[in-house]
Amino acid sequence: MRAPALYTAAGSLLLTALAAAPAGGTPNAPGPPAPADFSRASLEARGAALAAARARATGITFGTCPDAEDLPGEMKCGTVSVPLDYARPDGTRIRLTVSRAPATHKDPHNSKHRVPGQGALVFNPGGPGGSGMYFPLVGMIPEWKRIAAAYDLVGYAPRGVERSAPLSCEDPKQFFKGPAQSPTYPSEAYKRERIARARAYASGCAERAGAALRHYTSLNNARDLDVLRAALGEPKLTFMGASYGTYFGAVYATLFPSHVRRMVFDSAVNPAPGQVWYRNNLDQSAAFEERWADFRAWVARHDDVYGLGTTAEQVLRGYEKARDRLAAKPAGGTVGPGQLQSAFLTAGYYDDYWPHRAHALSAYLKGDPRPLIEQAGPHPEAAKEAENSNAVYTAVECNDAAWPTDWHVWDRDNTRLARVAPFETWDNVWANLPCAYWRAPRQEPLDVRTGPGELPATLILAAERDAATPYDGALEMHRRLSGSVLVTERDSGTHGIAGGRNACVNGYLDAYLLEGRLPERRAACAPHREPEPTRTQRARTERARTVPAAPPAR
């Protein structure tokens, strides 16, 4: 279910900071014993209320951001303390890093008008494992200036991420192993190899995190969000979550409906308990096959630019030719089929990558591997960040729900799926397979739902052909959150559409956040324009834009 830790509305802005250092607390230290006459759920609810009350009294002292955060001077940083285990609120505590850009109060259309403030808008980019520390920078983008005028833009690194009590499952130096293979139809020997890697990775998580591992969950992320709300001095929360951020945002809405002011769910995850997370991953793999076909059809329409064929099938043959060549001789000694697949998977998330990926493939097949190496090659300087993000992703998804523990179930389900959706299926298996051998206790997924009148009206945004969070998830979220409104971008597949290139979507977003106005139940927008083909590769720092959608081969 991994989605890049990026908020697309920010264009090429980085929304994941490059910092990791202890944030305080000792994860393995035990707290005082819990009273025996309370259920764990009751203790956690009591602990969450106590933590929020303490945070409200303490607040957050914002100051200059540490150099490690690499943030501009106009942004301020602070920390908020949360219990590692909400059932033991007086036990071990960890600190979450927080960033903020105060509301500008400047009307972008009328310099004489001072825009009244509406408090804090808190953002999470998804993952799990994504950091929102760079989110306040979106206020510099034209599409966000009206929102930035009214709201303090607040980002944070969730528990385990970056300097927020960072989680690690293996030596970061070992994380980017390349070149890697990525067989569409893996042999039995290759499957055994990947099973062994998954077992080792799960063991590494357990050994490195110890007793703290069980506390990296969506339920605790939702509780942390309420503590952050209180620390910011907000009586009610205004929140925007993208991708996975929509899931624990919905968990928050279920746990704390009376604490909600406004919520935006951008690219909604299917929150049905039976979908979390094994079946959501199967659905994601199936959806990526359709989006992969969309990309190839676009490349074929621009054969005059790329020369990769006039049909999607011809483009596929070119891709497969490149994959076979890379299996025999990796480009630059670092880019093999695994790196190729990971690079082209990002084209399934964001269509603004299409021209660059098409150019790289075309150039490689014509004898110039440099664009492909630039786009697909590993970046060792980002290994610590990427390993940390992957560790949090794995821990949260494995802890959140039961997963099949019998390899034959995984093999049966994905062998069947790969017959019709070969592009992403097996790489998605390898990304999640440690959950089959997970040592920490599993949670029971919360039955996300609210009844009439329990929750203020919320806004769900979804692209109809989104592969990372298939559209059925938005429909399910809409059914479960009473009073929610669903806005759909038709015939589009970009993952994360708020504040992006679609003026219609942005109009609904602004009306809701700034005025509380929503359409009746559902609304639709025409798709944004497809990207224009480019004849030459334009320089851009792609690594700064995303974390790989599926972890590289371990």
Protein backbone atom coordinates (compact mmCIF):
# COMPACT_ATOMS: atom_id res chain seq x y z
CA MET A 1 0.00 0.00 0.00
CA ARG A 2 3.08 2.16 -0.09
CA ALA A 3 2.59 5.63 -1.54
CA PRO A 4 5.28 8.20 -2.09
CA ALA A 5 5.65 10.56 0.81
CA LEU A 6 4.72 13.50 -1.30
CA TYR A 7 1.86 15.89 -1.53
CA THR A 8 1.38 16.40 -5.27
CA ALA A 9 -0.17 19.83 -4.84
CA ALA A 10 3.25 21.10 -3.87
CA GLY A 11 4.60 20.40 -7.32
CA SER A 12 8.29 19.65 -6.99
CA LEU A 13 8.54 20.83 -3.39
CA LEU A 14 10.05 18.32 -1.02
CA LEU A 15 7.63 17.30 1.70
CA THR A 16 9.98 14.87 3.39
CA ALA A 17 12.79 16.37 5.44
CA LEU A 18 16.24 14.78 5.48
CA ALA A 19 16.85 14.50 9.18
CA ALA A 20 17.08 11.67 11.67
CA ALA A 21 18.29 11.97 15.23
CA PRO A 22 16.94 10.80 18.58
CA ALA A 23 13.96 12.88 19.63
CA GLY A 24 14.03 11.98 23.28
CA GLY A 25 12.75 9.07 25.28
CA THR A 26 14.01 5.50 25.48
CA PRO A 27 11.79 3.29 23.35
CA ASN A 28 12.60 0.08 25.20
CA ALA A 29 12.08 1.48 28.70
CA PRO A 30 9.01 -0.01 30.40
CA GLY A 31 6.36 2.21 31.95
CA PRO A 32 4.58 1.53 35.23
CA PRO A 33 2.24 -1.48 35.28
CA ALA A 34 -1.33 -0.83 34.15
CA PRO A 35 -4.20 -1.36 36.57
CA ALA A 36 -5.71 -4.79 36.09
CA ASP A 37 -9.33 -3.64 36.26
CA PHE A 38 -9.28 -1.68 33.01
CA SER A 39 -9.31 -3.01 29.46
CA ARG A 40 -6.43 -1.88 27.31
CA ALA A 41 -8.81 0.15 25.11
CA SER A 42 -10.13 2.00 28.16
CA LEU A 43 -6.62 2.67 29.39
CA GLU A 44 -5.59 4.01 26.00
CA ALA A 45 -8.61 6.30 25.82
CA ARG A 46 -7.85 7.60 29.31
CA GLY A 47 -4.17 8.01 28.42
CA ALA A 48 -4.98 9.92 25.24
CA ALA A 49 -7.21 12.35 27.15
CA LEU A 50 -4.54 12.85 29.80
CA ALA A 51 -1.79 13.39 27.19
CA ALA A 52 -3.94 15.95 25.36
CA ALA A 53 -4.66 17.83 28.59
CA ARG A 54 -0.96 17.97 29.41
CA ALA A 55 -0.11 19.13 25.88
CA ARG A 56 -2.73 21.87 26.06
CA ALA A 57 -1.14 23.15 29.27
CA THR A 58 2.41 22.92 27.91
CA GLY A 59 1.91 24.05 24.31
CA ILE A 60 4.70 24.09 21.73
CA THR A 61 7.61 26.50 21.86
CA PHE A 62 8.41 27.33 18.26
CA GLY A 63 11.85 28.60 17.36
CA THR A 64 14.52 28.36 14.72
CA CYS A 65 14.51 25.01 12.97
CA PRO A 66 17.58 22.82 13.60
CA ASP A 67 20.11 22.74 10.79
CA ALA A 68 19.33 19.07 10.33
CA GLU A 69 15.82 19.95 9.18
CA ASP A 70 17.20 22.03 6.27
CA LEU A 71 14.21 24.37 6.40
CA PRO A 72 14.11 28.06 5.44
CA GLY A 73 14.33 30.69 8.16
CA GLU A 74 10.72 31.86 7.89
CA MET A 75 9.56 28.46 9.10
CA LYS A 76 9.65 27.64 12.80
CA CYS A 77 10.04 24.29 14.52
CA GLY A 78 9.19 22.77 17.86
CA THR A 79 8.35 19.46 19.49
CA VAL A 80 5.39 17.87 21.21
CA SER A 81 5.68 15.09 23.76
CA VAL A 82 3.44 12.00 23.46
CA PRO A 83 3.34 8.69 25.35
CA LEU A 84 4.97 5.78 23.60
CA ASP A 85 2.17 3.63 25.03
CA TYR A 86 -1.12 5.42 25.67
CA ALA A 87 -2.11 2.75 28.16
CA ARG A 88 0.83 3.99 30.26
CA PRO A 89 0.77 7.78 29.86
CA ASP A 90 3.23 8.23 32.74
CA GLY A 91 5.73 5.85 31.16
CA THR A 92 8.15 6.42 28.32
CA ARG A 93 7.50 9.54 26.26
CA ILE A 94 8.74 10.42 22.79
CA ARG A 95 8.97 13.78 21.03
CA LEU A 96 7.45 14.50 17.63
CA THR A 97 9.00 17.28 15.56
CA VAL A 98 6.63 19.96 14.29
CA SER A 99 7.03 22.76 11.70
CA ARG A 100 4.88 25.85 11.24
CA ALA A 101 4.51 28.84 8.96
CA PRO A 102 2.15 31.44 10.47
CA ALA A 103 -0.81 32.65 8.43
CA THR A 104 0.24 35.51 6.16
CA HIS A 105 -3.16 37.30 6.42
CA LYS A 106 -2.43 38.63 2.91
CA ASP A 107 -5.18 38.43 0.33
CA PRO A 108 -3.42 37.47 -2.94
CA HIS A 109 -6.10 39.35 -4.89
CA ASN A 110 -6.41 42.46 -2.70
CA SER A 111 -3.33 43.79 -0.93
CA LYS A 112 -5.43 46.13 1.23
CA HIS A 113 -7.54 43.33 2.69
CA ARG A 114 -6.29 41.59 5.83
CA VAL A 115 -7.49 38.00 5.87
CA PRO A 116 -8.70 36.87 9.30
CA GLY A 117 -6.99 33.81 10.73
CA GLN A 118 -8.73 30.46 11.11
CA GLY A 119 -6.17 28.66 13.27
CA ALA A 120 -3.89 25.80 12.26
CA LEU A 121 -4.19 23.51 9.25
CA VAL A 122 -2.33 20.29 10.08
CA PHE A 123 -1.15 18.07 7.24
CA ASN A 124 0.06 14.49 6.84
CA PRO A 125 1.39 13.26 3.47
CA GLY A 126 0.80 9.56 3.97
CA GLY A 127 3.14 6.61 3.77
CA PRO A 128 3.02 5.32 6.42
CA GLY A 129 6.47 6.75 7.00
CA GLY A 130 6.08 10.11 5.26
CA SER A 131 7.06 13.36 6.92
CA GLY A 132 5.09 16.56 6.60
CA MET A 133 7.85 18.83 7.90
CA TYR A 134 8.13 20.64 4.58
CA PHE A 135 4.39 21.11 4.15
CA PRO A 136 4.32 24.78 5.27
CA LEU A 137 6.35 25.66 2.16
CA VAL A 138 3.26 25.13 0.01
CA GLY A 139 2.16 28.57 1.11
CA MET A 140 4.57 30.00 -1.48
CA ILE A 141 2.73 28.29 -4.35
CA PRO A 142 0.02 30.40 -6.03
CA GLU A 143 -2.67 27.72 -5.65
CA TRP A 144 -2.14 27.73 -1.87
CA LYS A 145 -1.81 31.45 -1.11
CA ARG A 146 -5.45 31.94 -0.12
CA ILE A 147 -5.27 29.03 2.31
CA ALA A 148 -1.88 30.21 3.62
CA ALA A 149 -3.40 33.64 4.26
CA ALA A 150 -6.03 32.19 6.58
CA TYR A 151 -4.23 29.29 8.25
CA ASP A 152 -1.05 28.59 10.12
CA LEU A 153 0.35 25.75 7.98
CA VAL A 154 1.57 22.98 10.27
CA GLY A 155 3.53 19.87 9.31
CA TYR A 156 5.06 17.23 11.52
CA ALA A 157 7.00 13.98 11.49
CA PRO A 158 4.81 11.19 12.91
CA ARG A 159 6.15 8.76 15.49
CA GLY A 160 9.12 6.82 14.18
CA VAL A 161 9.77 9.21 11.28
CA GLU A 162 13.00 11.19 11.02
CA ARG A 163 13.76 12.81 14.40
CA SER A 164 10.48 11.72 15.98
CA ALA A 165 11.93 8.72 17.86
CA PRO A 166 13.27 7.27 14.60
CA LEU A 167 12.60 3.63 13.81
CA SER A 168 15.10 1.45 11.94
CA CYS A 169 14.99 -2.18 10.83
CA GLU A 170 18.37 -2.60 9.14
CA ASP A 171 21.65 -0.83 8.52
CA PRO A 172 20.85 1.99 6.08
CA LYS A 173 24.07 1.19 4.22
CA GLN A 174 22.45 -2.10 3.21
CA PHE A 175 19.13 -0.59 2.15
CA PHE A 176 19.96 0.39 -1.43
CA LYS A 177 21.12 -2.89 -2.86
CA GLY A 178 21.62 -2.68 -6.56
CA PRO A 179 21.44 -3.62 -9.24
CA ALA A 180 18.38 -5.70 -8.40
CA GLN A 181 16.21 -8.11 -10.32
CA SER A 182 12.43 -7.73 -10.62
CA PRO A 183 11.03 -10.81 -12.33
CA THR A 184 7.45 -10.47 -13.53
CA TYR A 185 6.93 -14.19 -12.99
CA PRO A 186 9.42 -15.20 -10.28
CA SER A 187 10.86 -18.68 -10.08
CA GLU A 188 10.43 -20.87 -7.02
CA ALA A 189 14.10 -20.28 -6.19
CA TYR A 190 13.63 -16.52 -6.33
CA LYS A 191 10.54 -16.76 -4.13
CA ARG A 192 12.53 -18.70 -1.52
CA GLU A 193 15.19 -16.01 -1.60
CA ARG A 194 12.63 -13.27 -1.02
CA ILE A 195 10.97 -15.22 1.80
CA ALA A 196 14.35 -15.42 3.52
CA ARG A 197 14.86 -11.68 3.09
CA ALA A 198 11.41 -10.94 4.49
CA ARG A 199 12.06 -13.12 7.54
CA ALA A 200 15.38 -11.38 8.14
CA TYR A 201 13.83 -7.93 7.78
CA ALA A 202 11.03 -8.73 10.22
CA SER A 203 13.62 -10.03 12.68
CA GLY A 204 15.67 -6.87 12.25
CA CYS A 205 12.65 -4.73 13.10
CA ALA A 206 11.97 -6.75 16.25
CA GLU A 207 15.59 -6.75 17.38
CA ARG A 208 16.26 -3.06 16.73
CA ALA A 209 13.01 -1.68 18.13
CA GLY A 210 12.43 -4.16 20.93
CA ALA A 211 9.27 -3.76 22.97
CA ALA A 212 8.54 -0.39 21.36
CA LEU A 213 7.75 -1.98 17.99
CA ARG A 214 4.12 -2.76 18.83
CA HIS A 215 3.35 0.93 19.45
CA TYR A 216 3.82 2.10 15.84
CA THR A 217 0.19 1.90 14.74
CA SER A 218 -2.49 3.93 13.00
CA LEU A 219 -4.45 4.10 16.26
CA ASN A 220 -1.48 5.71 17.98
CA ASN A 221 -0.94 8.04 15.03
CA ALA A 222 -4.52 9.23 15.49
CA ARG A 223 -3.99 9.71 19.22
CA ASP A 224 -0.77 11.61 18.54
CA LEU A 225 -2.72 13.88 16.20
CA ASP A 226 -5.12 14.77 19.00
CA VAL A 227 -2.22 15.58 21.32
CA LEU A 228 -0.77 17.80 18.59
CA ARG A 229 -4.14 19.54 18.21
CA ALA A 230 -4.20 20.28 21.93
CA ALA A 231 -0.58 21.44 22.00
CA LEU A 232 -1.34 23.90 19.18
CA GLY A 233 -4.13 25.36 21.31
CA GLU A 234 -6.82 24.32 18.83
CA PRO A 235 -10.18 23.40 20.42
CA LYS A 236 -11.06 21.58 17.20
CA LEU A 237 -8.82 20.14 14.48
CA THR A 238 -8.57 21.28 10.87
CA PHE A 239 -6.68 18.51 9.09
CA MET A 240 -5.69 17.46 5.61
CA GLY A 241 -4.41 13.96 4.97
CA ALA A 242 -3.20 12.49 1.70
CA SER A 243 -3.09 8.78 0.86
CA TYR A 244 -2.40 6.86 4.11
CA GLY A 245 -3.03 10.16 5.90
CA THR A 246 -6.69 9.75 4.95
CA TYR A 247 -6.85 6.43 6.77
CA PHE A 248 -5.59 7.51 10.13
CA GLY A 249 -7.46 10.79 9.63
CA ALA A 250 -10.63 8.69 9.38
CA VAL A 251 -9.54 6.73 12.44
CA TYR A 252 -9.20 10.08 14.23
CA ALA A 253 -12.68 11.14 13.09
CA THR A 254 -14.08 7.90 14.50
CA LEU A 255 -12.25 8.19 17.83
CA PHE A 256 -12.62 11.95 18.30
CA PRO A 257 -15.59 13.16 16.21
CA SER A 258 -16.33 16.06 18.57
CA HIS A 259 -12.75 17.33 18.15
CA VAL A 260 -13.09 17.84 14.38
CA ARG A 261 -13.58 21.25 12.76
CA ARG A 262 -12.83 20.44 9.10
CA MET A 263 -11.10 17.48 7.44
CA VAL A 264 -9.91 16.91 3.88
CA PHE A 265 -9.22 13.36 2.72
CA ASP A 266 -7.12 13.55 -0.45
CA SER A 267 -6.82 10.23 -2.34
CA ALA A 268 -8.69 8.13 0.17
CA VAL A 269 -7.64 4.69 1.35
CA ASN A 270 -10.36 2.06 1.64
CA PRO A 271 -10.96 2.00 5.44
CA ALA A 272 -13.08 -1.17 5.60
CA PRO A 273 -11.54 -3.39 8.31
CA GLY A 274 -11.42 -6.39 5.97
CA GLN A 275 -9.31 -4.40 3.51
CA VAL A 276 -6.62 -3.32 5.98
CA TRP A 277 -3.97 -3.94 4.70
CA TYR A 278 -3.54 -7.20 2.78
CA ARG A 279 -6.54 -6.82 0.47
CA ASN A 280 -5.88 -3.13 -0.10
CA ASN A 281 -2.48 -4.13 -1.47
CA LEU A 282 -4.03 -6.66 -3.84
CA ASP A 283 -6.41 -3.97 -5.11
CA GLN A 284 -3.53 -1.54 -5.51
CA SER A 285 -1.55 -3.98 -7.65
CA ALA A 286 -4.55 -4.51 -9.91
CA ALA A 287 -5.10 -0.75 -10.27
CA PHE A 288 -1.47 -0.09 -11.19
CA GLU A 289 -1.85 -2.34 -14.20
CA GLU A 290 -4.52 0.02 -15.58
CA ARG A 291 -2.45 3.11 -14.86
CA TRP A 292 0.62 1.51 -16.44
CA ALA A 293 -1.50 1.00 -19.55
CA ASP A 294 -2.54 4.68 -19.43
CA PHE A 295 1.11 5.73 -19.45
CA ARG A 296 2.00 3.45 -22.34
CA ALA A 297 -0.97 4.68 -24.37
CA TRP A 298 0.20 8.28 -23.83
CA VAL A 299 3.74 7.40 -24.95
CA ALA A 300 2.31 5.72 -28.05
CA ARG A 301 0.34 8.86 -28.91
CA HIS A 302 3.65 10.71 -28.95
CA ASP A 303 5.67 8.28 -31.03
CA ASP A 304 6.92 11.23 -33.09
CA VAL A 305 8.78 12.41 -29.98
CA TYR A 306 9.89 9.17 -28.34
CA GLY A 307 9.96 6.60 -31.14
CA LEU A 308 8.77 3.80 -28.86
CA GLY A 309 5.87 2.65 -31.02
CA THR A 310 2.39 3.73 -31.99
CA THR A 311 0.56 1.29 -29.70
CA ALA A 312 0.72 0.59 -25.99
CA GLU A 313 1.80 -2.96 -26.79
CA GLN A 314 4.77 -1.73 -28.79
CA VAL A 315 5.79 0.53 -25.92
CA LEU A 316 5.55 -2.46 -23.57
CA ARG A 317 7.85 -4.46 -25.82
CA GLY A 318 10.38 -1.64 -25.67
CA TYR A 319 10.17 -1.60 -21.88
CA GLU A 320 10.64 -5.37 -21.73
CA LYS A 321 13.61 -5.10 -24.08
CA ALA A 322 15.20 -2.56 -21.75
CA ARG A 323 14.48 -4.76 -18.74
CA ASP A 324 16.17 -7.75 -20.38
CA ARG A 325 19.20 -5.69 -21.32
CA LEU A 326 19.52 -4.36 -17.78
CA ALA A 327 19.28 -7.88 -16.36
CA ALA A 328 22.29 -8.84 -18.49
CA LYS A 329 24.24 -5.59 -18.03
CA PRO A 330 23.06 -3.04 -15.43
CA ALA A 331 23.28 0.57 -16.56
CA GLY A 332 26.12 2.34 -14.81
CA GLY A 333 26.60 -0.77 -12.72
CA THR A 334 23.67 0.26 -10.51
CA VAL A 335 20.43 0.20 -12.51
CA GLY A 336 18.95 -3.23 -13.02
CA PRO A 337 15.37 -4.37 -13.66
CA GLY A 338 14.39 -3.61 -10.06
CA GLN A 339 15.50 -0.01 -10.31
CA LEU A 340 13.81 0.30 -13.71
CA GLN A 341 10.51 -0.94 -12.32
CA SER A 342 10.65 1.35 -9.28
CA ALA A 343 11.32 4.38 -11.48
CA PHE A 344 8.46 3.61 -13.83
CA LEU A 345 6.13 2.87 -10.93
CA THR A 346 6.28 6.57 -10.02
CA ALA A 347 4.75 7.27 -13.43
CA GLY A 348 1.74 5.37 -12.12
CA TYR A 349 1.40 7.89 -9.33
CA TYR A 350 2.03 11.16 -11.15
CA ASP A 351 1.53 11.88 -14.82
CA ASP A 352 3.95 14.79 -14.68
CA TYR A 353 6.65 12.10 -14.68
CA TRP A 354 5.49 10.69 -17.99
CA PRO A 355 7.65 12.84 -20.30
CA HIS A 356 10.79 12.19 -18.24
CA ARG A 357 10.33 8.44 -17.97
CA ALA A 358 9.48 8.15 -21.66
CA HIS A 359 12.57 10.15 -22.59
CA ALA A 360 14.78 7.98 -20.36
CA LEU A 361 13.47 4.75 -21.90
CA SER A 362 13.80 6.09 -25.43
CA ALA A 363 17.34 7.34 -24.85
CA TYR A 364 18.42 4.05 -23.24
CA LEU A 365 17.14 1.96 -26.13
CA LYS A 366 18.98 4.30 -28.51
CA GLY A 367 22.26 3.85 -26.68
CA ASP A 368 22.30 6.68 -24.13
CA PRO A 369 21.84 5.32 -20.57
CA ARG A 370 22.50 8.61 -18.77
CA PRO A 371 18.87 9.80 -18.32
CA LEU A 372 17.86 6.38 -17.03
CA ILE A 373 20.77 6.26 -14.58
CA GLU A 374 19.90 9.74 -13.36
CA GLN A 375 16.25 8.87 -12.83
CA ALA A 376 16.47 5.27 -11.61
CA GLY A 377 19.88 5.02 -9.97
CA PRO A 378 20.15 4.75 -6.18
CA HIS A 379 21.05 7.81 -4.11
CA PRO A 380 23.21 6.59 -1.21
CA GLU A 381 23.00 9.99 0.48
CA ALA A 382 19.27 9.37 0.98
CA ALA A 383 19.67 5.84 2.36
CA LYS A 384 19.10 6.77 6.00
CA GLU A 385 15.90 8.64 5.20
CA ALA A 386 14.61 5.91 2.89
CA GLU A 387 15.41 3.09 5.32
CA ASN A 388 13.68 4.95 8.14
CA SER A 389 10.60 5.62 6.02
CA ASN A 390 10.40 1.98 4.97
CA ALA A 391 10.79 0.78 8.56
CA VAL A 392 7.85 2.93 9.71
CA TYR A 393 5.77 1.84 6.72
CA THR A 394 6.37 -1.81 7.51
CA ALA A 395 5.82 -1.48 11.25
CA VAL A 396 2.53 0.39 10.96
CA GLU A 397 1.01 -1.83 8.29
CA CYS A 398 2.16 -5.05 9.96
CA ASN A 399 0.94 -3.94 13.39
CA ASP A 400 -2.40 -2.57 12.23
CA ALA A 401 -4.10 -5.81 11.24
CA ALA A 402 -3.80 -9.54 10.70
CA TRP A 403 -1.87 -10.71 7.63
CA PRO A 404 -1.70 -14.20 6.14
CA THR A 405 1.08 -16.12 7.87
CA ASP A 406 1.02 -18.98 5.37
CA TRP A 407 3.20 -18.28 2.32
CA HIS A 408 0.92 -20.44 0.19
CA VAL A 409 -1.88 -17.89 0.61
CA TRP A 410 0.33 -15.08 -0.67
CA ASP A 411 1.60 -17.27 -3.50
CA ARG A 412 -1.89 -18.37 -4.55
CA ASP A 413 -3.46 -14.91 -4.46
CA ASN A 414 -0.63 -13.12 -6.23
CA THR A 415 0.09 -15.80 -8.82
CA ARG A 416 -3.56 -15.49 -9.85
CA LEU A 417 -3.39 -11.68 -9.84
CA ALA A 418 -0.12 -11.51 -11.76
CA ARG A 419 -1.73 -13.29 -14.71
CA VAL A 420 -3.77 -10.14 -15.37
CA ALA A 421 -1.73 -7.49 -13.53
CA PRO A 422 1.96 -8.38 -13.80
CA PHE A 423 3.47 -4.88 -13.61
CA GLU A 424 3.41 -4.28 -9.83
CA THR A 425 2.05 -7.46 -8.25
CA TRP A 426 5.19 -9.28 -7.15
CA ASP A 427 7.15 -6.19 -6.13
CA ASN A 428 4.19 -5.27 -3.91
CA VAL A 429 4.40 -8.73 -2.36
CA TRP A 430 8.08 -8.34 -1.53
CA ALA A 431 7.46 -4.91 0.01
CA ASN A 432 4.87 -6.32 2.41
CA LEU A 433 5.99 -9.90 2.98
CA PRO A 434 7.75 -9.14 6.31
CA CYS A 435 4.21 -8.87 7.73
CA ALA A 436 3.85 -12.64 7.29
CA TYR A 437 6.68 -13.16 9.79
CA TRP A 438 6.00 -10.24 12.11
CA ARG A 439 6.79 -10.73 15.79
CA ALA A 440 4.81 -7.88 17.38
CA PRO A 441 1.14 -8.29 18.36
CA ARG A 442 -1.44 -7.42 15.69
CA GLN A 443 -4.17 -4.84 16.19
CA GLU A 444 -7.80 -5.28 15.27
CA PRO A 445 -8.59 -2.57 12.68
CA LEU A 446 -11.01 0.04 13.92
CA ASP A 447 -14.44 -0.03 12.30
CA VAL A 448 -14.18 3.44 10.79
CA ARG A 449 -17.62 5.04 10.60
CA THR A 450 -19.62 7.94 11.98
CA GLY A 451 -23.37 8.34 12.34
CA PRO A 452 -25.54 11.27 11.25
CA GLY A 453 -24.66 14.42 13.15
CA GLU A 454 -21.63 12.93 14.91
CA LEU A 455 -19.07 14.57 12.63
CA PRO A 456 -18.99 17.94 10.85
CA ALA A 457 -19.14 17.77 7.07
CA THR A 458 -15.85 16.55 5.57
CA LEU A 459 -14.39 16.68 2.05
CA ILE A 460 -13.09 13.65 0.15
CA LEU A 461 -11.05 14.22 -3.03
CA ALA A 462 -10.29 11.41 -5.45
CA ALA A 463 -9.03 10.85 -8.98
CA GLU A 464 -11.05 8.22 -10.79
CA ARG A 465 -8.01 6.27 -12.07
CA ASP A 466 -5.75 6.67 -9.04
CA ALA A 467 -3.77 3.45 -8.71
CA ALA A 468 -2.15 3.95 -5.32
CA THR A 469 -5.54 4.44 -3.65
CA PRO A 470 -8.12 2.95 -6.03
CA TYR A 471 -11.37 4.87 -6.43
CA ASP A 472 -13.46 2.25 -4.64
CA GLY A 473 -11.68 3.35 -1.47
CA ALA A 474 -13.02 6.88 -1.82
CA LEU A 475 -16.54 5.51 -2.32
CA GLU A 476 -16.19 3.38 0.81
CA MET A 477 -14.83 6.30 2.83
CA HIS A 478 -17.76 8.40 1.62
CA ARG A 479 -20.24 5.73 2.74
CA ARG A 480 -18.66 5.38 6.18
CA LEU A 481 -18.28 9.06 7.11
CA SER A 482 -21.78 10.42 7.45
CA GLY A 483 -22.19 13.88 5.93
CA SER A 484 -19.02 13.65 3.86
CA VAL A 485 -18.89 15.05 0.32
CA LEU A 486 -16.95 13.33 -2.49
CA VAL A 487 -15.39 15.38 -5.28
CA THR A 488 -14.08 13.27 -8.17
CA GLU A 489 -11.59 14.21 -10.85
CA ARG A 490 -12.88 12.22 -13.79
CA ASP A 491 -10.63 10.19 -16.12
CA SER A 492 -7.51 11.14 -14.19
CA GLY A 493 -5.08 9.07 -12.15
CA THR A 494 -2.84 11.51 -10.30
CA HIS A 495 -2.32 10.52 -6.68
CA GLY A 496 -3.04 13.56 -4.51
CA ILE A 497 -5.07 16.23 -6.28
CA ALA A 498 -5.67 19.00 -3.71
CA GLY A 499 -3.99 22.26 -4.61
CA GLY A 500 -2.66 20.82 -7.84
CA ARG A 501 -3.28 21.52 -11.52
CA ASN A 502 -7.07 21.21 -11.53
CA ALA A 503 -8.73 24.58 -10.87
CA CYS A 504 -12.12 22.93 -10.37
CA VAL A 505 -10.79 20.70 -7.57
CA ASN A 506 -8.99 23.65 -6.01
CA GLY A 507 -12.20 25.66 -6.06
CA TYR A 508 -13.96 23.05 -3.94
CA LEU A 509 -10.96 22.83 -1.61
CA ASP A 510 -10.79 26.60 -1.07
CA ALA A 511 -14.55 26.95 -0.58
CA TYR A 512 -14.49 24.26 2.09
CA LEU A 513 -11.38 25.29 4.02
CA LEU A 514 -11.99 29.03 3.79
CA GLU A 515 -15.77 29.23 4.03
CA GLY A 516 -17.01 25.81 5.09
CA ARG A 517 -19.03 25.50 1.86
CA LEU A 518 -19.57 22.10 0.24
CA PRO A 519 -21.67 20.79 -2.64
CA GLU A 520 -24.45 18.28 -2.08
CA ARG A 521 -23.04 14.80 -1.42
CA ARG A 522 -21.02 14.51 -4.65
CA ALA A 523 -19.48 16.63 -7.38
CA ALA A 524 -17.21 15.99 -10.37
CA CYS A 525 -14.45 17.86 -12.18
CA ALA A 526 -13.12 17.32 -15.68
CA PRO A 527 -9.57 15.95 -15.78
CA HIS A 528 -6.56 18.22 -15.77
CA ARG A 529 -4.63 18.43 -19.03
CA GLU A 530 -2.24 15.62 -19.86
CA PRO A 531 1.45 16.52 -19.78
CA GLU A 532 3.11 17.75 -22.94
CA PRO A 533 5.85 15.52 -24.37
CA THR A 534 9.41 16.79 -24.20
CA ARG A 535 12.11 16.06 -26.75
CA THR A 536 14.93 16.48 -24.25
CA GLN A 537 15.27 15.66 -20.61
CA ARG A 538 14.81 18.68 -18.39
CA ALA A 539 16.93 18.70 -15.29
CA ARG A 540 15.04 18.17 -12.09
CA THR A 541 15.87 16.71 -8.72
CA GLU A 542 13.42 13.84 -8.65
CA ARG A 543 14.71 12.27 -5.49
CA ALA A 544 13.71 15.41 -3.62
CA ARG A 545 10.16 14.96 -4.85
CA THR A 546 9.45 11.43 -3.73
CA VAL A 547 10.36 8.51 -1.63
CA PRO A 548 10.28 5.36 -3.84
CA ALA A 549 6.74 4.06 -4.11
CA ALA A 550 7.83 0.51 -3.46
CA PRO A 551 10.94 -0.11 -1.38
CA PRO A 552 14.04 -1.13 -3.34
CA ALA A 553 15.10 -4.73 -3.15
CA ARG A 554 16.50 -5.60 0.24
